[in-house]
Amino acid sequence: MKEIRAVIRPQKLGRLREVLRAVPGFPGMTISRAQGCGSSVRHIPHNVKEELVDFTDKVRVEIIAPDELVDVLVDRIVQVAATGQTGDGLVWVVEVQRAVFVRKVMGGGTPPA
């Protein structure tokens, strides 16, 4: 099992959701807002105010997926997110040792396996 993490442009999120939902066995995803800046030295902030706004809005996508789906999902993310411009985003994959769904247990006891 792996976790796919991606940081992409916010305007790409709707299309990405469509494309990923079309993948058989797609497990779902978690989205959060993010801000970031690249390593490019195009603009150097000259004061604190500039430094605080020198970030670009992004969306962070997190998906826990079985190994056999990882390459397909990563490929789809890259295809949808790419515009050919600097700042399109980043996708990376990390190993997941264990993942457990959290569900409300009715009537006490332990949740089903």
PDB file of N, CA and C in Angstrom:
ATOM      1  N   MET A   1       0.846  -1.165   0.000  1.00  0.00           N
ATOM      2  CA  MET A   1       0.000   0.000   0.000  1.00  0.00           C
ATOM      3  C   MET A   1       0.897   1.236   0.000  1.00  0.00           C
ATOM      4  N   LYS A   2       0.457   2.255  -0.729  1.00  0.00           N
ATOM      5  CA  LYS A   2       1.241   3.479  -0.865  1.00  0.00           C
ATOM      6  C   LYS A   2       0.348   4.699  -0.637  1.00  0.00           C
ATOM      7  N   GLU A   3       0.996   5.804  -0.300  1.00  0.00           N
ATOM      8  CA  GLU A   3       0.303   7.083  -0.252  1.00  0.00           C
ATOM      9  C   GLU A   3       0.842   7.933  -1.390  1.00  0.00           C
ATOM     10  N   ILE A   4      -0.064   8.399  -2.207  1.00  0.00           N
ATOM     11  CA  ILE A   4       0.291   9.316  -3.287  1.00  0.00           C
ATOM     12  C   ILE A   4      -0.012  10.710  -2.784  1.00  0.00           C
ATOM     13  N   ARG A   5       0.985  11.577  -2.839  1.00  0.00           N
ATOM     14  CA  ARG A   5       0.790  12.969  -2.440  1.00  0.00           C
ATOM     15  C   ARG A   5       1.077  13.836  -3.650  1.00  0.00           C
ATOM     16  N   ALA A   6       0.259  14.833  -3.830  1.00  0.00           N
ATOM     17  CA  ALA A   6       0.456  15.736  -4.966  1.00  0.00           C
ATOM     18  C   ALA A   6       0.111  17.152  -4.544  1.00  0.00           C
ATOM     19  N   VAL A   7       0.843  18.092  -5.075  1.00  0.00           N
ATOM     20  CA  VAL A   7       0.528  19.508  -4.913  1.00  0.00           C
ATOM     21  C   VAL A   7       0.297  20.033  -6.320  1.00  0.00           C
ATOM     22  N   ILE A   8      -0.915  20.547  -6.567  1.00  0.00           N
ATOM     23  CA  ILE A   8      -1.286  20.968  -7.917  1.00  0.00           C
ATOM     24  C   ILE A   8      -1.960  22.337  -7.889  1.00  0.00           C
ATOM     25  N   ARG A   9      -2.179  22.895  -9.070  1.00  0.00           N
ATOM     26  CA  ARG A   9      -2.905  24.160  -9.198  1.00  0.00           C
ATOM     27  C   ARG A   9      -4.371  23.932  -8.846  1.00  0.00           C
ATOM     28  N   PRO A  10      -4.988  24.850  -8.078  1.00  0.00           N
ATOM     29  CA  PRO A  10      -6.385  24.665  -7.663  1.00  0.00           C
ATOM     30  C   PRO A  10      -7.362  24.500  -8.825  1.00  0.00           C
ATOM     31  N   GLN A  11      -7.131  25.183  -9.934  1.00  0.00           N
ATOM     32  CA  GLN A  11      -8.060  25.105 -11.057  1.00  0.00           C
ATOM     33  C   GLN A  11      -8.050  23.733 -11.740  1.00  0.00           C
ATOM     34  N   LYS A  12      -7.113  22.877 -11.390  1.00  0.00           N
ATOM     35  CA  LYS A  12      -7.041  21.529 -11.964  1.00  0.00           C
ATOM     36  C   LYS A  12      -7.802  20.494 -11.143  1.00  0.00           C
ATOM     37  N   LEU A  13      -8.276  20.873  -9.962  1.00  0.00           N
ATOM     38  CA  LEU A  13      -8.879  19.907  -9.040  1.00  0.00           C
ATOM     39  C   LEU A  13     -10.155  19.269  -9.580  1.00  0.00           C
ATOM     40  N   GLY A  14     -11.058  20.048 -10.159  1.00  0.00           N
ATOM     41  CA  GLY A  14     -12.313  19.488 -10.673  1.00  0.00           C
ATOM     42  C   GLY A  14     -12.079  18.420 -11.720  1.00  0.00           C
ATOM     43  N   ARG A  15     -11.233  18.713 -12.671  1.00  0.00           N
ATOM     44  CA  ARG A  15     -10.924  17.746 -13.734  1.00  0.00           C
ATOM     45  C   ARG A  15     -10.219  16.518 -13.162  1.00  0.00           C
ATOM     46  N   LEU A  16      -9.307  16.746 -12.197  1.00  0.00           N
ATOM     47  CA  LEU A  16      -8.600  15.624 -11.586  1.00  0.00           C
ATOM     48  C   LEU A  16      -9.586  14.683 -10.899  1.00  0.00           C
ATOM     49  N   ARG A  17     -10.542  15.235 -10.185  1.00  0.00           N
ATOM     50  CA  ARG A  17     -11.541  14.394  -9.509  1.00  0.00           C
ATOM     51  C   ARG A  17     -12.307  13.544 -10.526  1.00  0.00           C
ATOM     52  N   GLU A  18     -12.724  14.149 -11.628  1.00  0.00           N
ATOM     53  CA  GLU A  18     -13.420  13.402 -12.693  1.00  0.00           C
ATOM     54  C   GLU A  18     -12.586  12.240 -13.204  1.00  0.00           C
ATOM     55  N   VAL A  19     -11.348  12.543 -13.537  1.00  0.00           N
ATOM     56  CA  VAL A  19     -10.454  11.542 -14.135  1.00  0.00           C
ATOM     57  C   VAL A  19     -10.148  10.411 -13.151  1.00  0.00           C
ATOM     58  N   LEU A  20      -9.893  10.755 -11.885  1.00  0.00           N
ATOM     59  CA  LEU A  20      -9.564   9.714 -10.910  1.00  0.00           C
ATOM     60  C   LEU A  20     -10.773   8.860 -10.566  1.00  0.00           C
ATOM     61  N   ARG A  21     -11.948   9.456 -10.492  1.00  0.00           N
ATOM     62  CA  ARG A  21     -13.155   8.671 -10.204  1.00  0.00           C
ATOM     63  C   ARG A  21     -13.458   7.662 -11.303  1.00  0.00           C
ATOM     64  N   ALA A  22     -12.957   7.896 -12.491  1.00  0.00           N
ATOM     65  CA  ALA A  22     -13.176   6.972 -13.606  1.00  0.00           C
ATOM     66  C   ALA A  22     -12.246   5.756 -13.546  1.00  0.00           C
ATOM     67  N   VAL A  23     -11.254   5.773 -12.674  1.00  0.00           N
ATOM     68  CA  VAL A  23     -10.328   4.648 -12.539  1.00  0.00           C
ATOM     69  C   VAL A  23     -11.007   3.565 -11.695  1.00  0.00           C
ATOM     70  N   PRO A  24     -11.154   2.348 -12.240  1.00  0.00           N
ATOM     71  CA  PRO A  24     -11.770   1.268 -11.460  1.00  0.00           C
ATOM     72  C   PRO A  24     -10.981   1.019 -10.176  1.00  0.00           C
ATOM     73  N   GLY A  25     -11.683   0.969  -9.060  1.00  0.00           N
ATOM     74  CA  GLY A  25     -11.033   0.719  -7.775  1.00  0.00           C
ATOM     75  C   GLY A  25     -10.467   1.961  -7.103  1.00  0.00           C
ATOM     76  N   PHE A  26     -10.727   3.160  -7.683  1.00  0.00           N
ATOM     77  CA  PHE A  26     -10.215   4.399  -7.073  1.00  0.00           C
ATOM     78  C   PHE A  26     -10.682   4.479  -5.625  1.00  0.00           C
ATOM     79  N   PRO A  27      -9.738   4.634  -4.670  1.00  0.00           N
ATOM     80  CA  PRO A  27     -10.105   4.571  -3.256  1.00  0.00           C
ATOM     81  C   PRO A  27     -10.592   5.874  -2.634  1.00  0.00           C
ATOM     82  N   GLY A  28     -10.558   6.974  -3.357  1.00  0.00           N
ATOM     83  CA  GLY A  28     -10.940   8.267  -2.793  1.00  0.00           C
ATOM     84  C   GLY A  28      -9.698   9.087  -2.477  1.00  0.00           C
ATOM     85  N   MET A  29      -9.915  10.343  -2.083  1.00  0.00           N
ATOM     86  CA  MET A  29      -8.778  11.223  -1.823  1.00  0.00           C
ATOM     87  C   MET A  29      -9.135  12.267  -0.782  1.00  0.00           C
ATOM     88  N   THR A  30      -8.120  12.822  -0.188  1.00  0.00           N
ATOM     89  CA  THR A  30      -8.265  13.914   0.757  1.00  0.00           C
ATOM     90  C   THR A  30      -7.627  15.146   0.131  1.00  0.00           C
ATOM     91  N   ILE A  31      -8.292  16.283   0.280  1.00  0.00           N
ATOM     92  CA  ILE A  31      -7.823  17.530  -0.318  1.00  0.00           C
ATOM     93  C   ILE A  31      -7.617  18.556   0.789  1.00  0.00           C
ATOM     94  N   SER A  32      -6.555  19.332   0.677  1.00  0.00           N
ATOM     95  CA  SER A  32      -6.364  20.456   1.590  1.00  0.00           C
ATOM     96  C   SER A  32      -5.743  21.613   0.817  1.00  0.00           C
ATOM     97  N   ARG A  33      -5.993  22.800   1.308  1.00  0.00           N
ATOM     98  CA  ARG A  33      -5.406  23.983   0.689  1.00  0.00           C
ATOM     99  C   ARG A  33      -3.956  24.093   1.112  1.00  0.00           C
ATOM    100  N   ALA A  34      -3.151  24.602   0.210  1.00  0.00           N
ATOM    101  CA  ALA A  34      -1.729  24.772   0.511  1.00  0.00           C
ATOM    102  C   ALA A  34      -1.230  26.027  -0.194  1.00  0.00           C
ATOM    103  N   GLN A  35      -0.103  26.501   0.236  1.00  0.00           N
ATOM    104  CA  GLN A  35       0.583  27.593  -0.444  1.00  0.00           C
ATOM    105  C   GLN A  35       2.037  27.195  -0.560  1.00  0.00           C
ATOM    106  N   GLY A  36       2.669  27.662  -1.616  1.00  0.00           N
ATOM    107  CA  GLY A  36       4.066  27.299  -1.774  1.00  0.00           C
ATOM    108  C   GLY A  36       4.786  28.232  -2.711  1.00  0.00           C
ATOM    109  N   CYS A  37       6.076  28.022  -2.751  1.00  0.00           N
ATOM    110  CA  CYS A  37       6.909  28.764  -3.692  1.00  0.00           C
ATOM    111  C   CYS A  37       7.986  27.814  -4.182  1.00  0.00           C
ATOM    112  N   GLY A  38       8.426  28.042  -5.394  1.00  0.00           N
ATOM    113  CA  GLY A  38       9.459  27.212  -5.974  1.00  0.00           C
ATOM    114  C   GLY A  38      10.842  27.708  -5.603  1.00  0.00           C
ATOM    115  N   SER A  39      11.839  27.062  -6.148  1.00  0.00           N
ATOM    116  CA  SER A  39      13.213  27.441  -5.845  1.00  0.00           C
ATOM    117  C   SER A  39      13.727  28.518  -6.794  1.00  0.00           C
ATOM    118  N   SER A  40      12.899  28.889  -7.742  1.00  0.00           N
ATOM    119  CA  SER A  40      13.287  29.898  -8.721  1.00  0.00           C
ATOM    120  C   SER A  40      13.626  31.221  -8.041  1.00  0.00           C
ATOM    121  N   VAL A  41      14.573  31.929  -8.580  1.00  0.00           N
ATOM    122  CA  VAL A  41      15.024  33.186  -7.985  1.00  0.00           C
ATOM    123  C   VAL A  41      14.515  34.373  -8.797  1.00  0.00           C
ATOM    124  N   ARG A  42      13.344  34.224  -9.398  1.00  0.00           N
ATOM    125  CA  ARG A  42      12.790  35.297 -10.224  1.00  0.00           C
ATOM    126  C   ARG A  42      12.524  36.560  -9.419  1.00  0.00           C
ATOM    127  N   HIS A  43      12.003  36.405  -8.211  1.00  0.00           N
ATOM    128  CA  HIS A  43      11.642  37.573  -7.417  1.00  0.00           C
ATOM    129  C   HIS A  43      12.105  37.364  -5.983  1.00  0.00           C
ATOM    130  N   ILE A  44      12.836  38.316  -5.449  1.00  0.00           N
ATOM    131  CA  ILE A  44      13.278  38.243  -4.069  1.00  0.00           C
ATOM    132  C   ILE A  44      12.521  39.309  -3.282  1.00  0.00           C
ATOM    133  N   PRO A  45      11.723  38.895  -2.264  1.00  0.00           N
ATOM    134  CA  PRO A  45      10.979  39.870  -1.473  1.00  0.00           C
ATOM    135  C   PRO A  45      11.915  40.857  -0.784  1.00  0.00           C
ATOM    136  N   HIS A  46      11.488  42.118  -0.723  1.00  0.00           N
ATOM    137  CA  HIS A  46      12.331  43.155  -0.128  1.00  0.00           C
ATOM    138  C   HIS A  46      11.870  43.571   1.256  1.00  0.00           C
ATOM    139  N   ASN A  47      10.684  43.130   1.684  1.00  0.00           N
ATOM    140  CA  ASN A  47      10.213  43.460   3.019  1.00  0.00           C
ATOM    141  C   ASN A  47       9.284  42.353   3.515  1.00  0.00           C
ATOM    142  N   VAL A  48       8.887  42.434   4.767  1.00  0.00           N
ATOM    143  CA  VAL A  48       8.080  41.381   5.386  1.00  0.00           C
ATOM    144  C   VAL A  48       6.736  41.214   4.673  1.00  0.00           C
ATOM    145  N   LYS A  49       6.091  42.309   4.305  1.00  0.00           N
ATOM    146  CA  LYS A  49       4.797  42.221   3.629  1.00  0.00           C
ATOM    147  C   LYS A  49       4.930  41.449   2.319  1.00  0.00           C
ATOM    148  N   GLU A  50       5.928  41.774   1.522  1.00  0.00           N
ATOM    149  CA  GLU A  50       6.158  41.054   0.264  1.00  0.00           C
ATOM    150  C   GLU A  50       6.469  39.590   0.532  1.00  0.00           C
ATOM    151  N   GLU A  51       7.233  39.326   1.578  1.00  0.00           N
ATOM    152  CA  GLU A  51       7.618  37.957   1.887  1.00  0.00           C
ATOM    153  C   GLU A  51       6.395  37.110   2.237  1.00  0.00           C
ATOM    154  N   LEU A  52       5.420  37.706   2.918  1.00  0.00           N
ATOM    155  CA  LEU A  52       4.226  36.971   3.324  1.00  0.00           C
ATOM    156  C   LEU A  52       3.287  36.669   2.161  1.00  0.00           C
ATOM    157  N   VAL A  53       3.342  37.432   1.089  1.00  0.00           N
ATOM    158  CA  VAL A  53       2.468  37.183  -0.053  1.00  0.00           C
ATOM    159  C   VAL A  53       3.219  36.567  -1.234  1.00  0.00           C
ATOM    160  N   ASP A  54       4.455  36.169  -1.024  1.00  0.00           N
ATOM    161  CA  ASP A  54       5.270  35.599  -2.090  1.00  0.00           C
ATOM    162  C   ASP A  54       5.030  34.093  -2.241  1.00  0.00           C
ATOM    163  N   PHE A  55       3.781  33.662  -2.059  1.00  0.00           N
ATOM    164  CA  PHE A  55       3.426  32.256  -2.192  1.00  0.00           C
ATOM    165  C   PHE A  55       2.264  32.136  -3.164  1.00  0.00           C
ATOM    166  N   THR A  56       2.175  30.978  -3.821  1.00  0.00           N
ATOM    167  CA  THR A  56       1.115  30.708  -4.778  1.00  0.00           C
ATOM    168  C   THR A  56       0.140  29.717  -4.154  1.00  0.00           C
ATOM    169  N   ASP A  57      -1.156  29.944  -4.360  1.00  0.00           N
ATOM    170  CA  ASP A  57      -2.157  29.002  -3.866  1.00  0.00           C
ATOM    171  C   ASP A  57      -2.038  27.678  -4.610  1.00  0.00           C
ATOM    172  N   LYS A  58      -2.115  26.594  -3.864  1.00  0.00           N
ATOM    173  CA  LYS A  58      -2.051  25.241  -4.407  1.00  0.00           C
ATOM    174  C   LYS A  58      -3.086  24.388  -3.686  1.00  0.00           C
ATOM    175  N   VAL A  59      -3.260  23.172  -4.159  1.00  0.00           N
ATOM    176  CA  VAL A  59      -4.108  22.180  -3.519  1.00  0.00           C
ATOM    177  C   VAL A  59      -3.249  20.954  -3.274  1.00  0.00           C
ATOM    178  N   ARG A  60      -3.357  20.398  -2.087  1.00  0.00           N
ATOM    179  CA  ARG A  60      -2.627  19.170  -1.777  1.00  0.00           C
ATOM    180  C   ARG A  60      -3.614  18.009  -1.828  1.00  0.00           C
ATOM    181  N   VAL A  61      -3.246  16.977  -2.559  1.00  0.00           N
ATOM    182  CA  VAL A  61      -4.075  15.789  -2.751  1.00  0.00           C
ATOM    183  C   VAL A  61      -3.356  14.622  -2.086  1.00  0.00           C
ATOM    184  N   GLU A  62      -4.100  13.829  -1.314  1.00  0.00           N
ATOM    185  CA  GLU A  62      -3.524  12.652  -0.667  1.00  0.00           C
ATOM    186  C   GLU A  62      -4.424  11.452  -0.948  1.00  0.00           C
ATOM    187  N   ILE A  63      -3.802  10.369  -1.413  1.00  0.00           N
ATOM    188  CA  ILE A  63      -4.551   9.159  -1.767  1.00  0.00           C
ATOM    189  C   ILE A  63      -3.808   7.958  -1.196  1.00  0.00           C
ATOM    190  N   ILE A  64      -4.500   7.116  -0.445  1.00  0.00           N
ATOM    191  CA  ILE A  64      -3.944   5.843   0.010  1.00  0.00           C
ATOM    192  C   ILE A  64      -4.465   4.791  -0.960  1.00  0.00           C
ATOM    193  N   ALA A  65      -3.547   4.106  -1.641  1.00  0.00           N
ATOM    194  CA  ALA A  65      -3.972   3.189  -2.709  1.00  0.00           C
ATOM    195  C   ALA A  65      -3.184   1.887  -2.667  1.00  0.00           C
ATOM    196  N   PRO A  66      -3.799   0.815  -3.143  1.00  0.00           N
ATOM    197  CA  PRO A  66      -3.062  -0.442  -3.267  1.00  0.00           C
ATOM    198  C   PRO A  66      -1.961  -0.291  -4.319  1.00  0.00           C
ATOM    199  N   ASP A  67      -0.904  -1.039  -4.144  1.00  0.00           N
ATOM    200  CA  ASP A  67       0.269  -0.942  -5.024  1.00  0.00           C
ATOM    201  C   ASP A  67      -0.082  -1.014  -6.510  1.00  0.00           C
ATOM    202  N   GLU A  68      -1.041  -1.876  -6.869  1.00  0.00           N
ATOM    203  CA  GLU A  68      -1.354  -2.072  -8.286  1.00  0.00           C
ATOM    204  C   GLU A  68      -2.027  -0.860  -8.938  1.00  0.00           C
ATOM    205  N   LEU A  69      -2.543   0.068  -8.151  1.00  0.00           N
ATOM    206  CA  LEU A  69      -3.181   1.271  -8.711  1.00  0.00           C
ATOM    207  C   LEU A  69      -2.258   2.486  -8.762  1.00  0.00           C
ATOM    208  N   VAL A  70      -1.147   2.424  -8.062  1.00  0.00           N
ATOM    209  CA  VAL A  70      -0.300   3.611  -7.877  1.00  0.00           C
ATOM    210  C   VAL A  70       0.169   4.211  -9.196  1.00  0.00           C
ATOM    211  N   ASP A  71       0.735   3.411 -10.085  1.00  0.00           N
ATOM    212  CA  ASP A  71       1.264   3.957 -11.340  1.00  0.00           C
ATOM    213  C   ASP A  71       0.174   4.609 -12.191  1.00  0.00           C
ATOM    214  N   VAL A  72      -0.984   3.971 -12.243  1.00  0.00           N
ATOM    215  CA  VAL A  72      -2.103   4.534 -13.022  1.00  0.00           C
ATOM    216  C   VAL A  72      -2.525   5.873 -12.432  1.00  0.00           C
ATOM    217  N   LEU A  73      -2.683   5.938 -11.115  1.00  0.00           N
ATOM    218  CA  LEU A  73      -3.122   7.171 -10.465  1.00  0.00           C
ATOM    219  C   LEU A  73      -2.095   8.288 -10.622  1.00  0.00           C
ATOM    220  N   VAL A  74      -0.826   7.963 -10.442  1.00  0.00           N
ATOM    221  CA  VAL A  74       0.232   8.974 -10.605  1.00  0.00           C
ATOM    222  C   VAL A  74       0.238   9.491 -12.043  1.00  0.00           C
ATOM    223  N   ASP A  75       0.141   8.599 -13.004  1.00  0.00           N
ATOM    224  CA  ASP A  75       0.121   9.017 -14.411  1.00  0.00           C
ATOM    225  C   ASP A  75      -1.061   9.943 -14.703  1.00  0.00           C
ATOM    226  N   ARG A  76      -2.229   9.615 -14.169  1.00  0.00           N
ATOM    227  CA  ARG A  76      -3.421  10.456 -14.394  1.00  0.00           C
ATOM    228  C   ARG A  76      -3.253  11.822 -13.743  1.00  0.00           C
ATOM    229  N   ILE A  77      -2.692  11.862 -12.540  1.00  0.00           N
ATOM    230  CA  ILE A  77      -2.471  13.143 -11.862  1.00  0.00           C
ATOM    231  C   ILE A  77      -1.544  14.024 -12.681  1.00  0.00           C
ATOM    232  N   VAL A  78      -0.455  13.454 -13.155  1.00  0.00           N
ATOM    233  CA  VAL A  78       0.516  14.221 -13.939  1.00  0.00           C
ATOM    234  C   VAL A  78      -0.114  14.714 -15.239  1.00  0.00           C
ATOM    235  N   GLN A  79      -0.872  13.851 -15.915  1.00  0.00           N
ATOM    236  CA  GLN A  79      -1.518  14.252 -17.171  1.00  0.00           C
ATOM    237  C   GLN A  79      -2.484  15.415 -16.970  1.00  0.00           C
ATOM    238  N   VAL A  80      -3.280  15.353 -15.919  1.00  0.00           N
ATOM    239  CA  VAL A  80      -4.275  16.401 -15.667  1.00  0.00           C
ATOM    240  C   VAL A  80      -3.615  17.683 -15.180  1.00  0.00           C
ATOM    241  N   ALA A  81      -2.623  17.577 -14.320  1.00  0.00           N
ATOM    242  CA  ALA A  81      -2.031  18.750 -13.671  1.00  0.00           C
ATOM    243  C   ALA A  81      -1.074  19.533 -14.568  1.00  0.00           C
ATOM    244  N   ALA A  82      -0.532  18.887 -15.585  1.00  0.00           N
ATOM    245  CA  ALA A  82       0.501  19.526 -16.403  1.00  0.00           C
ATOM    246  C   ALA A  82      -0.059  20.616 -17.317  1.00  0.00           C
ATOM    247  N   THR A  83       0.580  21.785 -17.272  1.00  0.00           N
ATOM    248  CA  THR A  83       0.284  22.848 -18.232  1.00  0.00           C
ATOM    249  C   THR A  83       1.534  23.181 -19.036  1.00  0.00           C
ATOM    250  N   GLY A  84       2.664  22.637 -18.606  1.00  0.00           N
ATOM    251  CA  GLY A  84       3.926  22.931 -19.273  1.00  0.00           C
ATOM    252  C   GLY A  84       4.629  24.155 -18.706  1.00  0.00           C
ATOM    253  N   GLN A  85       4.049  24.738 -17.673  1.00  0.00           N
ATOM    254  CA  GLN A  85       4.642  25.928 -17.065  1.00  0.00           C
ATOM    255  C   GLN A  85       5.270  25.597 -15.719  1.00  0.00           C
ATOM    256  N   THR A  86       6.209  26.430 -15.312  1.00  0.00           N
ATOM    257  CA  THR A  86       6.788  26.299 -13.983  1.00  0.00           C
ATOM    258  C   THR A  86       5.683  26.474 -12.963  1.00  0.00           C
ATOM    259  N   GLY A  87       5.693  25.649 -11.917  1.00  0.00           N
ATOM    260  CA  GLY A  87       4.692  25.763 -10.864  1.00  0.00           C
ATOM    261  C   GLY A  87       3.496  24.858 -11.043  1.00  0.00           C
ATOM    262  N   ASP A  88       3.565  23.911 -11.989  1.00  0.00           N
ATOM    263  CA  ASP A  88       2.452  22.984 -12.183  1.00  0.00           C
ATOM    264  C   ASP A  88       2.230  22.087 -10.974  1.00  0.00           C
ATOM    265  N   GLY A  89       3.278  21.791 -10.238  1.00  0.00           N
ATOM    266  CA  GLY A  89       3.113  20.988  -9.031  1.00  0.00           C
ATOM    267  C   GLY A  89       4.145  19.899  -8.901  1.00  0.00           C
ATOM    268  N   LEU A  90       3.853  18.973  -8.009  1.00  0.00           N
ATOM    269  CA  LEU A  90       4.765  17.879  -7.679  1.00  0.00           C
ATOM    270  C   LEU A  90       3.931  16.683  -7.237  1.00  0.00           C
ATOM    271  N   VAL A  91       4.358  15.486  -7.609  1.00  0.00           N
ATOM    272  CA  VAL A  91       3.701  14.261  -7.176  1.00  0.00           C
ATOM    273  C   VAL A  91       4.774  13.349  -6.605  1.00  0.00           C
ATOM    274  N   TRP A  92       4.506  12.747  -5.438  1.00  0.00           N
ATOM    275  CA  TRP A  92       5.455  11.799  -4.882  1.00  0.00           C
ATOM    276  C   TRP A  92       4.697  10.683  -4.175  1.00  0.00           C
ATOM    277  N   VAL A  93       5.380   9.569  -3.976  1.00  0.00           N
ATOM    278  CA  VAL A  93       4.753   8.366  -3.430  1.00  0.00           C
ATOM    279  C   VAL A  93       5.575   7.890  -2.236  1.00  0.00           C
ATOM    280  N   VAL A  94       4.876   7.540  -1.161  1.00  0.00           N
ATOM    281  CA  VAL A  94       5.546   7.010   0.028  1.00  0.00           C
ATOM    282  C   VAL A  94       4.890   5.698   0.459  1.00  0.00           C
ATOM    283  N   GLU A  95       5.661   4.855   1.083  1.00  0.00           N
ATOM    284  CA  GLU A  95       5.190   3.560   1.575  1.00  0.00           C
ATOM    285  C   GLU A  95       4.265   3.778   2.770  1.00  0.00           C
ATOM    286  N   VAL A  96       3.197   2.984   2.842  1.00  0.00           N
ATOM    287  CA  VAL A  96       2.283   3.016   3.982  1.00  0.00           C
ATOM    288  C   VAL A  96       2.354   1.647   4.650  1.00  0.00           C
ATOM    289  N   GLN A  97       2.732   1.625   5.904  1.00  0.00           N
ATOM    290  CA  GLN A  97       2.837   0.363   6.634  1.00  0.00           C
ATOM    291  C   GLN A  97       1.466  -0.179   7.031  1.00  0.00           C
ATOM    292  N   ARG A  98       0.558   0.739   7.366  1.00  0.00           N
ATOM    293  CA  ARG A  98      -0.760   0.309   7.822  1.00  0.00           C
ATOM    294  C   ARG A  98      -1.753   1.455   7.652  1.00  0.00           C
ATOM    295  N   ALA A  99      -2.960   1.128   7.260  1.00  0.00           N
ATOM    296  CA  ALA A  99      -4.040   2.116   7.175  1.00  0.00           C
ATOM    297  C   ALA A  99      -5.314   1.436   7.653  1.00  0.00           C
ATOM    298  N   VAL A 100      -6.081   2.133   8.478  1.00  0.00           N
ATOM    299  CA  VAL A 100      -7.298   1.574   9.046  1.00  0.00           C
ATOM    300  C   VAL A 100      -8.423   2.579   8.864  1.00  0.00           C
ATOM    301  N   PHE A 101      -9.553   2.142   8.335  1.00  0.00           N
ATOM    302  CA  PHE A 101     -10.721   3.018   8.243  1.00  0.00           C
ATOM    303  C   PHE A 101     -11.298   3.203   9.642  1.00  0.00           C
ATOM    304  N   VAL A 102     -11.653   4.414   9.971  1.00  0.00           N
ATOM    305  CA  VAL A 102     -12.260   4.717  11.252  1.00  0.00           C
ATOM    306  C   VAL A 102     -13.766   4.802  11.028  1.00  0.00           C
ATOM    307  N   ARG A 103     -14.500   3.970  11.718  1.00  0.00           N
ATOM    308  CA  ARG A 103     -15.956   3.953  11.577  1.00  0.00           C
ATOM    309  C   ARG A 103     -16.596   3.990  12.941  1.00  0.00           C
ATOM    310  N   LYS A 104     -17.809   4.489  12.979  1.00  0.00           N
ATOM    311  CA  LYS A 104     -18.550   4.507  14.235  1.00  0.00           C
ATOM    312  C   LYS A 104     -19.009   3.081  14.520  1.00  0.00           C
ATOM    313  N   VAL A 105     -18.707   2.611  15.712  1.00  0.00           N
ATOM    314  CA  VAL A 105     -19.087   1.260  16.099  1.00  0.00           C
ATOM    315  C   VAL A 105     -20.424   1.344  16.835  1.00  0.00           C
ATOM    316  N   MET A 106     -21.405   0.646  16.346  1.00  0.00           N
ATOM    317  CA  MET A 106     -22.745   0.661  16.954  1.00  0.00           C
ATOM    318  C   MET A 106     -22.807  -0.425  18.040  1.00  0.00           C
ATOM    319  N   GLY A 107     -23.319  -0.053  19.180  1.00  0.00           N
ATOM    320  CA  GLY A 107     -23.539  -1.031  20.249  1.00  0.00           C
ATOM    321  C   GLY A 107     -22.285  -1.482  20.960  1.00  0.00           C
ATOM    322  N   GLY A 108     -21.208  -0.746  20.888  1.00  0.00           N
ATOM    323  CA  GLY A 108     -19.987  -1.103  21.607  1.00  0.00           C
ATOM    324  C   GLY A 108     -19.216  -2.214  20.923  1.00  0.00           C
ATOM    325  N   GLY A 109     -18.211  -2.655  21.564  1.00  0.00           N
ATOM    326  CA  GLY A 109     -17.382  -3.737  21.016  1.00  0.00           C
ATOM    327  C   GLY A 109     -16.317  -3.197  20.081  1.00  0.00           C
ATOM    328  N   THR A 110     -15.674  -4.109  19.420  1.00  0.00           N
ATOM    329  CA  THR A 110     -14.602  -3.729  18.512  1.00  0.00           C
ATOM    330  C   THR A 110     -15.137  -3.665  17.094  1.00  0.00           C
ATOM    331  N   PRO A 111     -14.555  -2.778  16.287  1.00  0.00           N
ATOM    332  CA  PRO A 111     -15.025  -2.681  14.900  1.00  0.00           C
ATOM    333  C   PRO A 111     -14.687  -3.938  14.107  1.00  0.00           C
ATOM    334  N   PRO A 112     -15.487  -4.227  13.081  1.00  0.00           N
ATOM    335  CA  PRO A 112     -15.200  -5.402  12.248  1.00  0.00           C
ATOM    336  C   PRO A 112     -13.879  -5.228  11.518  1.00  0.00           C
ATOM    337  N   ALA A 113     -13.211  -6.334  11.261  1.00  0.00           N
ATOM    338  CA  ALA A 113     -11.908  -6.306  10.591  1.00  0.00           C
ATOM    339  C   ALA A 113     -12.050  -6.005   9.120  1.00  0.00           C
TER     340      ALA A 113
END
